[in-house]
């Protein structure tokens, strides 16, 4: 049910943005990519978990683990960067409204997406190639439905010092830079709103959904990090990690559909166009 809600909810948001010309703006262009990324990120883990439940085989092969890890890293990094790009879009729209269409032109938006994809791809490839350089002493079959880098490091025979340093170094950049950009953007937005109190209602309507998604994304990540420190078993850590790439992706469509008037109107039009079965 969670997977169906995630896929259908994000598909409706994606379809509404694509089908409604009024939503062909930078903000909804980024939102459609966020919805597509949420579908892909959930698909990297939930189908494998469902297969394990049906077959009663709670393991994953090394090849499957490496593939799953690559896509999880790629889509997590892309979503993280995308949230930062969306914050920058809101910053330009509110703090420089007269220059918004000039700054956030289609070419620049496409370039931002391309750079985000390339950065995410390089991150995922870097970690995957570093794992291939590790040596393992036993037949590789991990007793989990979800594979993490930490689980691979535990069964490796060679030193994982460089891998651990790489994880924390890259994570501090991939998470720290977008998060710093989000904090800076909303600091400037709040400052602008305080100077013009009459615009607070419009700002809330345009930024409320994004700010809710950001809070959910990083709040869940922080909760997973704390649970990983306190969890007594690797299985509990894996379950907590799955929640991080399941819960925000399922709730994002509901946040945007409930808090955004334009999305509500477009979804209503989309449902009206859909033939009843």
C-alpha atoms as a PDB file:
ATOM      1  CA  UNK A   1       0.000   0.000   0.000  1.00  0.00           C
ATOM      2  CA  UNK A   2       2.843   2.402   0.826  1.00  0.00           C
ATOM      3  CA  UNK A   3       4.501   1.707  -2.507  1.00  0.00           C
ATOM      4  CA  UNK A   4       1.236   2.141  -4.434  1.00  0.00           C
ATOM      5  CA  UNK A   5       0.515   5.428  -2.646  1.00  0.00           C
ATOM      6  CA  UNK A   6       4.038   6.647  -3.391  1.00  0.00           C
ATOM      7  CA  UNK A   7       3.957   5.757  -7.078  1.00  0.00           C
ATOM      8  CA  UNK A   8       0.389   6.905  -7.778  1.00  0.00           C
ATOM      9  CA  UNK A   9       0.708  10.108  -5.743  1.00  0.00           C
ATOM     10  CA  UNK A  10       3.899  11.175  -7.470  1.00  0.00           C
ATOM     11  CA  UNK A  11       2.573  10.118 -10.882  1.00  0.00           C
ATOM     12  CA  UNK A  12      -0.460  12.366 -10.383  1.00  0.00           C
ATOM     13  CA  UNK A  13       1.778  15.307  -9.468  1.00  0.00           C
ATOM     14  CA  UNK A  14       4.042  14.592 -12.454  1.00  0.00           C
ATOM     15  CA  UNK A  15       1.044  14.237 -14.791  1.00  0.00           C
ATOM     16  CA  UNK A  16      -0.584  17.416 -13.506  1.00  0.00           C
ATOM     17  CA  UNK A  17       2.567  19.453 -14.157  1.00  0.00           C
ATOM     18  CA  UNK A  18       3.091  17.981 -17.629  1.00  0.00           C
ATOM     19  CA  UNK A  19      -0.544  18.332 -18.764  1.00  0.00           C
ATOM     20  CA  UNK A  20      -1.271  21.850 -17.469  1.00  0.00           C
ATOM     21  CA  UNK A  21       0.432  24.680 -19.442  1.00  0.00           C
ATOM     22  CA  UNK A  22      -0.098  27.017 -16.480  1.00  0.00           C
ATOM     23  CA  UNK A  23       2.338  24.884 -14.488  1.00  0.00           C
ATOM     24  CA  UNK A  24       5.124  25.088 -17.067  1.00  0.00           C
ATOM     25  CA  UNK A  25       7.196  27.317 -14.795  1.00  0.00           C
ATOM     26  CA  UNK A  26      10.597  26.713 -13.124  1.00  0.00           C
ATOM     27  CA  UNK A  27       9.039  25.910  -9.729  1.00  0.00           C
ATOM     28  CA  UNK A  28       6.816  23.151 -11.118  1.00  0.00           C
ATOM     29  CA  UNK A  29       9.529  22.007 -13.523  1.00  0.00           C
ATOM     30  CA  UNK A  30      11.659  21.190 -10.475  1.00  0.00           C
ATOM     31  CA  UNK A  31       8.658  19.695  -8.676  1.00  0.00           C
ATOM     32  CA  UNK A  32       8.019  17.265 -11.536  1.00  0.00           C
ATOM     33  CA  UNK A  33      11.632  16.090 -11.305  1.00  0.00           C
ATOM     34  CA  UNK A  34      11.230  15.684  -7.546  1.00  0.00           C
ATOM     35  CA  UNK A  35       8.153  13.505  -8.064  1.00  0.00           C
ATOM     36  CA  UNK A  36       9.941  11.350 -10.632  1.00  0.00           C
ATOM     37  CA  UNK A  37      12.940  10.999  -8.310  1.00  0.00           C
ATOM     38  CA  UNK A  38      10.671   9.939  -5.430  1.00  0.00           C
ATOM     39  CA  UNK A  39       9.220   7.151  -7.576  1.00  0.00           C
ATOM     40  CA  UNK A  40      12.667   5.922  -8.592  1.00  0.00           C
ATOM     41  CA  UNK A  41      14.059   6.086  -5.055  1.00  0.00           C
ATOM     42  CA  UNK A  42      11.194   4.033  -3.625  1.00  0.00           C
ATOM     43  CA  UNK A  43      11.527   1.519  -6.461  1.00  0.00           C
ATOM     44  CA  UNK A  44      15.142   0.791  -5.505  1.00  0.00           C
ATOM     45  CA  UNK A  45      14.111  -0.845  -2.212  1.00  0.00           C
ATOM     46  CA  UNK A  46      10.407  -1.681  -1.829  1.00  0.00           C
ATOM     47  CA  UNK A  47      10.050  -4.191  -4.731  1.00  0.00           C
ATOM     48  CA  UNK A  48      13.066  -6.148  -3.404  1.00  0.00           C
ATOM     49  CA  UNK A  49      11.527  -6.158   0.061  1.00  0.00           C
ATOM     50  CA  UNK A  50       8.218  -7.459  -1.357  1.00  0.00           C
ATOM     51  CA  UNK A  51      10.031 -10.224  -3.254  1.00  0.00           C
ATOM     52  CA  UNK A  52      11.820 -11.255  -0.060  1.00  0.00           C
ATOM     53  CA  UNK A  53       8.518 -11.391   1.810  1.00  0.00           C
ATOM     54  CA  UNK A  54       6.905 -13.567  -0.874  1.00  0.00           C
ATOM     55  CA  UNK A  55       9.882 -15.926  -1.229  1.00  0.00           C
ATOM     56  CA  UNK A  56      10.689 -15.894   2.517  1.00  0.00           C
ATOM     57  CA  UNK A  57      14.318 -15.310   1.599  1.00  0.00           C
ATOM     58  CA  UNK A  58      15.658 -12.379   3.636  1.00  0.00           C
ATOM     59  CA  UNK A  59      18.960 -11.998   1.777  1.00  0.00           C
ATOM     60  CA  UNK A  60      20.473  -9.977  -1.032  1.00  0.00           C
ATOM     61  CA  UNK A  61      23.422 -10.936  -3.231  1.00  0.00           C
ATOM     62  CA  UNK A  62      26.562  -8.837  -3.522  1.00  0.00           C
ATOM     63  CA  UNK A  63      25.694  -7.849  -7.103  1.00  0.00           C
ATOM     64  CA  UNK A  64      22.179  -6.901  -6.072  1.00  0.00           C
ATOM     65  CA  UNK A  65      23.549  -5.019  -3.081  1.00  0.00           C
ATOM     66  CA  UNK A  66      25.993  -3.063  -5.209  1.00  0.00           C
ATOM     67  CA  UNK A  67      23.312  -2.186  -7.779  1.00  0.00           C
ATOM     68  CA  UNK A  68      20.804  -1.182  -5.113  1.00  0.00           C
ATOM     69  CA  UNK A  69      23.413   0.889  -3.321  1.00  0.00           C
ATOM     70  CA  UNK A  70      24.364   2.728  -6.511  1.00  0.00           C
ATOM     71  CA  UNK A  71      20.786   3.760  -7.296  1.00  0.00           C
ATOM     72  CA  UNK A  72      19.975   4.683  -3.690  1.00  0.00           C
ATOM     73  CA  UNK A  73      23.047   6.911  -3.529  1.00  0.00           C
ATOM     74  CA  UNK A  74      22.281   8.441  -6.930  1.00  0.00           C
ATOM     75  CA  UNK A  75      18.633   9.290  -6.257  1.00  0.00           C
ATOM     76  CA  UNK A  76      19.238  10.387  -2.640  1.00  0.00           C
ATOM     77  CA  UNK A  77      21.989  12.755  -3.775  1.00  0.00           C
ATOM     78  CA  UNK A  78      19.870  14.058  -6.646  1.00  0.00           C
ATOM     79  CA  UNK A  79      16.870  14.691  -4.383  1.00  0.00           C
ATOM     80  CA  UNK A  80      19.090  16.422  -1.847  1.00  0.00           C
ATOM     81  CA  UNK A  81      20.561  18.739  -4.510  1.00  0.00           C
ATOM     82  CA  UNK A  82      17.144  19.259  -6.095  1.00  0.00           C
ATOM     83  CA  UNK A  83      15.690  20.528  -2.813  1.00  0.00           C
ATOM     84  CA  UNK A  84      18.510  23.079  -2.695  1.00  0.00           C
ATOM     85  CA  UNK A  85      17.783  24.158  -6.279  1.00  0.00           C
ATOM     86  CA  UNK A  86      14.092  24.552  -5.447  1.00  0.00           C
ATOM     87  CA  UNK A  87      15.002  26.758  -2.473  1.00  0.00           C
ATOM     88  CA  UNK A  88      17.125  28.930  -4.757  1.00  0.00           C
ATOM     89  CA  UNK A  89      14.180  29.215  -7.165  1.00  0.00           C
ATOM     90  CA  UNK A  90      11.940  30.467  -4.340  1.00  0.00           C
ATOM     91  CA  UNK A  91      14.665  32.885  -3.208  1.00  0.00           C
ATOM     92  CA  UNK A  92      14.910  34.462  -6.671  1.00  0.00           C
ATOM     93  CA  UNK A  93      11.109  34.570  -7.088  1.00  0.00           C
ATOM     94  CA  UNK A  94      10.542  36.384  -3.793  1.00  0.00           C
ATOM     95  CA  UNK A  95      13.671  38.483  -3.345  1.00  0.00           C
ATOM     96  CA  UNK A  96      14.134  39.444  -7.044  1.00  0.00           C
ATOM     97  CA  UNK A  97      10.664  39.100  -8.605  1.00  0.00           C
ATOM     98  CA  UNK A  98      11.326  41.543 -11.459  1.00  0.00           C
ATOM     99  CA  UNK A  99      14.381  39.565 -12.589  1.00  0.00           C
ATOM    100  CA  UNK A 100      12.886  36.127 -11.972  1.00  0.00           C
ATOM    101  CA  UNK A 101      12.056  35.270 -15.590  1.00  0.00           C
ATOM    102  CA  UNK A 102      15.468  36.506 -16.719  1.00  0.00           C
ATOM    103  CA  UNK A 103      17.448  34.548 -14.118  1.00  0.00           C
ATOM    104  CA  UNK A 104      15.364  31.360 -14.077  1.00  0.00           C
ATOM    105  CA  UNK A 105      15.140  30.990 -17.853  1.00  0.00           C
ATOM    106  CA  UNK A 106      14.621  27.534 -19.421  1.00  0.00           C
ATOM    107  CA  UNK A 107      18.297  27.150 -20.382  1.00  0.00           C
ATOM    108  CA  UNK A 108      19.477  27.905 -16.846  1.00  0.00           C
ATOM    109  CA  UNK A 109      16.908  25.536 -15.326  1.00  0.00           C
ATOM    110  CA  UNK A 110      18.002  22.780 -17.702  1.00  0.00           C
ATOM    111  CA  UNK A 111      21.634  23.446 -16.841  1.00  0.00           C
ATOM    112  CA  UNK A 112      20.859  23.182 -13.126  1.00  0.00           C
ATOM    113  CA  UNK A 113      19.196  19.805 -13.698  1.00  0.00           C
ATOM    114  CA  UNK A 114      22.090  18.561 -15.810  1.00  0.00           C
ATOM    115  CA  UNK A 115      24.695  19.598 -13.240  1.00  0.00           C
ATOM    116  CA  UNK A 116      22.649  18.012 -10.455  1.00  0.00           C
ATOM    117  CA  UNK A 117      22.413  14.739 -12.382  1.00  0.00           C
ATOM    118  CA  UNK A 118      26.140  14.716 -13.161  1.00  0.00           C
ATOM    119  CA  UNK A 119      27.097  15.450  -9.554  1.00  0.00           C
ATOM    120  CA  UNK A 120      24.808  12.672  -8.283  1.00  0.00           C
ATOM    121  CA  UNK A 121      26.117  10.225 -10.881  1.00  0.00           C
ATOM    122  CA  UNK A 122      29.735  10.947  -9.990  1.00  0.00           C
ATOM    123  CA  UNK A 123      28.988  10.440  -6.293  1.00  0.00           C
ATOM    124  CA  UNK A 124      27.267   7.089  -6.851  1.00  0.00           C
ATOM    125  CA  UNK A 125      29.983   5.866  -9.228  1.00  0.00           C
ATOM    126  CA  UNK A 126      32.763   6.926  -6.868  1.00  0.00           C
ATOM    127  CA  UNK A 127      31.364   4.931  -3.959  1.00  0.00           C
ATOM    128  CA  UNK A 128      30.577   1.915  -6.163  1.00  0.00           C
ATOM    129  CA  UNK A 129      34.107   1.822  -7.602  1.00  0.00           C
ATOM    130  CA  UNK A 130      35.618   2.126  -4.120  1.00  0.00           C
ATOM    131  CA  UNK A 131      33.555  -0.882  -2.976  1.00  0.00           C
ATOM    132  CA  UNK A 132      34.872  -2.941  -5.899  1.00  0.00           C
ATOM    133  CA  UNK A 133      38.414  -2.343  -4.619  1.00  0.00           C
ATOM    134  CA  UNK A 134      37.576  -4.036  -1.304  1.00  0.00           C
ATOM    135  CA  UNK A 135      38.335  -7.722  -0.785  1.00  0.00           C
ATOM    136  CA  UNK A 136      35.886 -10.110   0.875  1.00  0.00           C
ATOM    137  CA  UNK A 137      36.749 -13.409   2.567  1.00  0.00           C
ATOM    138  CA  UNK A 138      33.482 -15.307   2.311  1.00  0.00           C
ATOM    139  CA  UNK A 139      30.670 -16.004  -0.111  1.00  0.00           C
ATOM    140  CA  UNK A 140      28.824 -12.704  -0.297  1.00  0.00           C
ATOM    141  CA  UNK A 141      25.190 -12.954   0.702  1.00  0.00           C
ATOM    142  CA  UNK A 142      23.944 -10.242   3.021  1.00  0.00           C
ATOM    143  CA  UNK A 143      21.099 -11.207   5.416  1.00  0.00           C
ATOM    144  CA  UNK A 144      19.087  -8.045   4.778  1.00  0.00           C
ATOM    145  CA  UNK A 145      16.503  -6.842   2.271  1.00  0.00           C
ATOM    146  CA  UNK A 146      18.166  -3.428   2.103  1.00  0.00           C
ATOM    147  CA  UNK A 147      21.873  -2.988   1.499  1.00  0.00           C
ATOM    148  CA  UNK A 148      23.933  -0.182   2.999  1.00  0.00           C
ATOM    149  CA  UNK A 149      27.587   0.737   2.657  1.00  0.00           C
ATOM    150  CA  UNK A 150      28.102   0.137   6.384  1.00  0.00           C
ATOM    151  CA  UNK A 151      26.942  -3.481   6.000  1.00  0.00           C
ATOM    152  CA  UNK A 152      29.431  -4.101   3.201  1.00  0.00           C
ATOM    153  CA  UNK A 153      32.249  -2.592   5.230  1.00  0.00           C
ATOM    154  CA  UNK A 154      31.510  -4.966   8.132  1.00  0.00           C
ATOM    155  CA  UNK A 155      32.050  -8.092   6.006  1.00  0.00           C
ATOM    156  CA  UNK A 156      35.106  -6.751   4.133  1.00  0.00           C
ATOM    157  CA  UNK A 157      38.520  -8.289   4.878  1.00  0.00           C
ATOM    158  CA  UNK A 158      40.560  -5.332   3.651  1.00  0.00           C
ATOM    159  CA  UNK A 159      40.830  -1.935   5.289  1.00  0.00           C
ATOM    160  CA  UNK A 160      37.828   0.353   4.835  1.00  0.00           C
ATOM    161  CA  UNK A 161      39.469   3.473   6.250  1.00  0.00           C
ATOM    162  CA  UNK A 162      39.581   5.278   2.896  1.00  0.00           C
ATOM    163  CA  UNK A 163      35.956   4.316   2.194  1.00  0.00           C
ATOM    164  CA  UNK A 164      34.798   5.704   5.535  1.00  0.00           C
ATOM    165  CA  UNK A 165      36.738   8.939   5.027  1.00  0.00           C
ATOM    166  CA  UNK A 166      35.235   9.236   1.545  1.00  0.00           C
ATOM    167  CA  UNK A 167      31.698   8.713   2.858  1.00  0.00           C
ATOM    168  CA  UNK A 168      31.927  11.455   5.469  1.00  0.00           C
ATOM    169  CA  UNK A 169      33.779  13.839   3.166  1.00  0.00           C
ATOM    170  CA  UNK A 170      31.352  13.509   0.266  1.00  0.00           C
ATOM    171  CA  UNK A 171      28.297  13.480   2.543  1.00  0.00           C
ATOM    172  CA  UNK A 172      29.401  16.715   4.185  1.00  0.00           C
ATOM    173  CA  UNK A 173      29.546  18.336   0.737  1.00  0.00           C
ATOM    174  CA  UNK A 174      26.447  16.781  -0.845  1.00  0.00           C
ATOM    175  CA  UNK A 175      24.319  17.397   2.247  1.00  0.00           C
ATOM    176  CA  UNK A 176      26.046  20.474   3.645  1.00  0.00           C
ATOM    177  CA  UNK A 177      26.079  22.632   0.507  1.00  0.00           C
ATOM    178  CA  UNK A 178      22.364  22.234  -0.430  1.00  0.00           C
ATOM    179  CA  UNK A 179      21.289  22.515   3.228  1.00  0.00           C
ATOM    180  CA  UNK A 180      23.356  25.682   3.648  1.00  0.00           C
ATOM    181  CA  UNK A 181      21.785  27.044   0.466  1.00  0.00           C
ATOM    182  CA  UNK A 182      18.301  26.249   1.775  1.00  0.00           C
ATOM    183  CA  UNK A 183      19.003  27.966   5.109  1.00  0.00           C
ATOM    184  CA  UNK A 184      20.470  31.010   3.348  1.00  0.00           C
ATOM    185  CA  UNK A 185      17.551  31.216   0.892  1.00  0.00           C
ATOM    186  CA  UNK A 186      14.900  31.103   3.578  1.00  0.00           C
ATOM    187  CA  UNK A 187      16.813  33.552   5.750  1.00  0.00           C
ATOM    188  CA  UNK A 188      16.715  36.027   2.887  1.00  0.00           C
ATOM    189  CA  UNK A 189      13.057  35.230   2.198  1.00  0.00           C
ATOM    190  CA  UNK A 190      12.074  35.850   5.812  1.00  0.00           C
ATOM    191  CA  UNK A 191      14.052  39.096   5.773  1.00  0.00           C
ATOM    192  CA  UNK A 192      12.170  40.232   2.657  1.00  0.00           C
ATOM    193  CA  UNK A 193       8.819  39.295   4.175  1.00  0.00           C
ATOM    194  CA  UNK A 194       9.558  41.275   7.332  1.00  0.00           C
ATOM    195  CA  UNK A 195      10.235  44.349   5.208  1.00  0.00           C
ATOM    196  CA  UNK A 196       6.947  43.908   3.306  1.00  0.00           C
ATOM    197  CA  UNK A 197       4.439  42.316   5.731  1.00  0.00           C
ATOM    198  CA  UNK A 198       1.605  42.443   3.190  1.00  0.00           C
ATOM    199  CA  UNK A 199       3.345  39.765   1.076  1.00  0.00           C
ATOM    200  CA  UNK A 200       3.512  37.192   3.865  1.00  0.00           C
ATOM    201  CA  UNK A 201       0.369  35.354   2.710  1.00  0.00           C
ATOM    202  CA  UNK A 202       1.637  34.866  -0.842  1.00  0.00           C
ATOM    203  CA  UNK A 203       5.070  33.800   0.404  1.00  0.00           C
ATOM    204  CA  UNK A 204       3.539  31.221   2.715  1.00  0.00           C
ATOM    205  CA  UNK A 205       1.481  29.735  -0.118  1.00  0.00           C
ATOM    206  CA  UNK A 206       4.474  29.423  -2.445  1.00  0.00           C
ATOM    207  CA  UNK A 207       7.098  28.346   0.101  1.00  0.00           C
ATOM    208  CA  UNK A 208       5.027  26.413   2.640  1.00  0.00           C
ATOM    209  CA  UNK A 209       4.928  23.180   0.628  1.00  0.00           C
ATOM    210  CA  UNK A 210       8.642  23.206  -0.173  1.00  0.00           C
ATOM    211  CA  UNK A 211       9.582  24.041   3.405  1.00  0.00           C
ATOM    212  CA  UNK A 212       7.389  21.175   4.666  1.00  0.00           C
ATOM    213  CA  UNK A 213       9.066  18.736   2.249  1.00  0.00           C
ATOM    214  CA  UNK A 214      12.531  19.946   3.271  1.00  0.00           C
ATOM    215  CA  UNK A 215      11.681  19.579   6.966  1.00  0.00           C
ATOM    216  CA  UNK A 216      10.341  16.064   6.388  1.00  0.00           C
ATOM    217  CA  UNK A 217      13.356  15.017   4.299  1.00  0.00           C
ATOM    218  CA  UNK A 218      16.059  16.233   6.670  1.00  0.00           C
ATOM    219  CA  UNK A 219      14.035  15.482   9.798  1.00  0.00           C
ATOM    220  CA  UNK A 220      13.655  11.845   8.765  1.00  0.00           C
ATOM    221  CA  UNK A 221      17.356  11.673   7.867  1.00  0.00           C
ATOM    222  CA  UNK A 222      18.288  13.014  11.311  1.00  0.00           C
ATOM    223  CA  UNK A 223      15.985  10.461  12.952  1.00  0.00           C
ATOM    224  CA  UNK A 224      17.572   7.627  10.957  1.00  0.00           C
ATOM    225  CA  UNK A 225      21.053   8.795  11.951  1.00  0.00           C
ATOM    226  CA  UNK A 226      20.100   8.788  15.643  1.00  0.00           C
ATOM    227  CA  UNK A 227      18.454   5.370  15.372  1.00  0.00           C
ATOM    228  CA  UNK A 228      21.592   3.997  13.676  1.00  0.00           C
ATOM    229  CA  UNK A 229      23.658   5.150  16.654  1.00  0.00           C
ATOM    230  CA  UNK A 230      21.256   3.614  19.180  1.00  0.00           C
ATOM    231  CA  UNK A 231      20.027   0.529  17.297  1.00  0.00           C
ATOM    232  CA  UNK A 232      21.380  -2.734  18.751  1.00  0.00           C
ATOM    233  CA  UNK A 233      21.190  -4.656  15.472  1.00  0.00           C
ATOM    234  CA  UNK A 234      21.983  -4.014  11.816  1.00  0.00           C
ATOM    235  CA  UNK A 235      18.463  -5.146  10.872  1.00  0.00           C
ATOM    236  CA  UNK A 236      16.886  -2.353  12.892  1.00  0.00           C
ATOM    237  CA  UNK A 237      19.295   0.078  11.251  1.00  0.00           C
ATOM    238  CA  UNK A 238      18.259  -1.199   7.811  1.00  0.00           C
ATOM    239  CA  UNK A 239      14.556  -0.777   8.648  1.00  0.00           C
ATOM    240  CA  UNK A 240      15.191   2.778   9.849  1.00  0.00           C
ATOM    241  CA  UNK A 241      17.113   3.554   6.654  1.00  0.00           C
ATOM    242  CA  UNK A 242      14.263   2.247   4.517  1.00  0.00           C
ATOM    243  CA  UNK A 243      11.917   4.621   6.333  1.00  0.00           C
ATOM    244  CA  UNK A 244      14.146   7.472   5.185  1.00  0.00           C
ATOM    245  CA  UNK A 245      13.640   6.585   1.511  1.00  0.00           C
ATOM    246  CA  UNK A 246       9.978   5.604   1.868  1.00  0.00           C
ATOM    247  CA  UNK A 247       8.137   7.994   4.202  1.00  0.00           C
ATOM    248  CA  UNK A 248       9.143  11.382   2.680  1.00  0.00           C
ATOM    249  CA  UNK A 249       8.578  10.079  -0.847  1.00  0.00           C
ATOM    250  CA  UNK A 250       5.081   8.877   0.064  1.00  0.00           C
ATOM    251  CA  UNK A 251       4.065  12.101   1.842  1.00  0.00           C
ATOM    252  CA  UNK A 252       5.515  14.641  -0.625  1.00  0.00           C
ATOM    253  CA  UNK A 253       2.594  14.416  -3.119  1.00  0.00           C
ATOM    254  CA  UNK A 254       0.061  14.872  -0.316  1.00  0.00           C
ATOM    255  CA  UNK A 255       1.930  17.906   1.013  1.00  0.00           C
ATOM    256  CA  UNK A 256       1.936  19.609  -2.395  1.00  0.00           C
ATOM    257  CA  UNK A 257      -1.631  18.604  -3.288  1.00  0.00           C
ATOM    258  CA  UNK A 258      -3.032  19.797   0.044  1.00  0.00           C
ATOM    259  CA  UNK A 259      -1.057  23.026   0.422  1.00  0.00           C
ATOM    260  CA  UNK A 260      -0.737  24.250  -3.168  1.00  0.00           C
ATOM    261  CA  UNK A 261      -3.765  25.779  -4.873  1.00  0.00           C
ATOM    262  CA  UNK A 262      -2.340  25.466  -8.414  1.00  0.00           C
ATOM    263  CA  UNK A 263      -1.675  21.756  -7.924  1.00  0.00           C
ATOM    264  CA  UNK A 264      -5.204  21.244  -6.587  1.00  0.00           C
ATOM    265  CA  UNK A 265      -6.718  22.876  -9.678  1.00  0.00           C
ATOM    266  CA  UNK A 266      -4.470  20.937 -12.075  1.00  0.00           C
ATOM    267  CA  UNK A 267      -5.192  17.627 -10.341  1.00  0.00           C
ATOM    268  CA  UNK A 268      -8.917  18.314 -10.595  1.00  0.00           C
ATOM    269  CA  UNK A 269      -8.522  18.971 -14.329  1.00  0.00           C
ATOM    270  CA  UNK A 270      -6.434  15.812 -14.690  1.00  0.00           C
ATOM    271  CA  UNK A 271      -9.062  13.692 -12.949  1.00  0.00           C
ATOM    272  CA  UNK A 272     -11.786  15.197 -15.125  1.00  0.00           C
ATOM    273  CA  UNK A 273      -9.844  14.231 -18.266  1.00  0.00           C
ATOM    274  CA  UNK A 274      -9.296  10.669 -17.037  1.00  0.00           C
ATOM    275  CA  UNK A 275     -12.015   8.381 -18.441  1.00  0.00           C
ATOM    276  CA  UNK A 276     -13.929   6.468 -15.793  1.00  0.00           C
ATOM    277  CA  UNK A 277     -13.572   2.695 -15.917  1.00  0.00           C
END
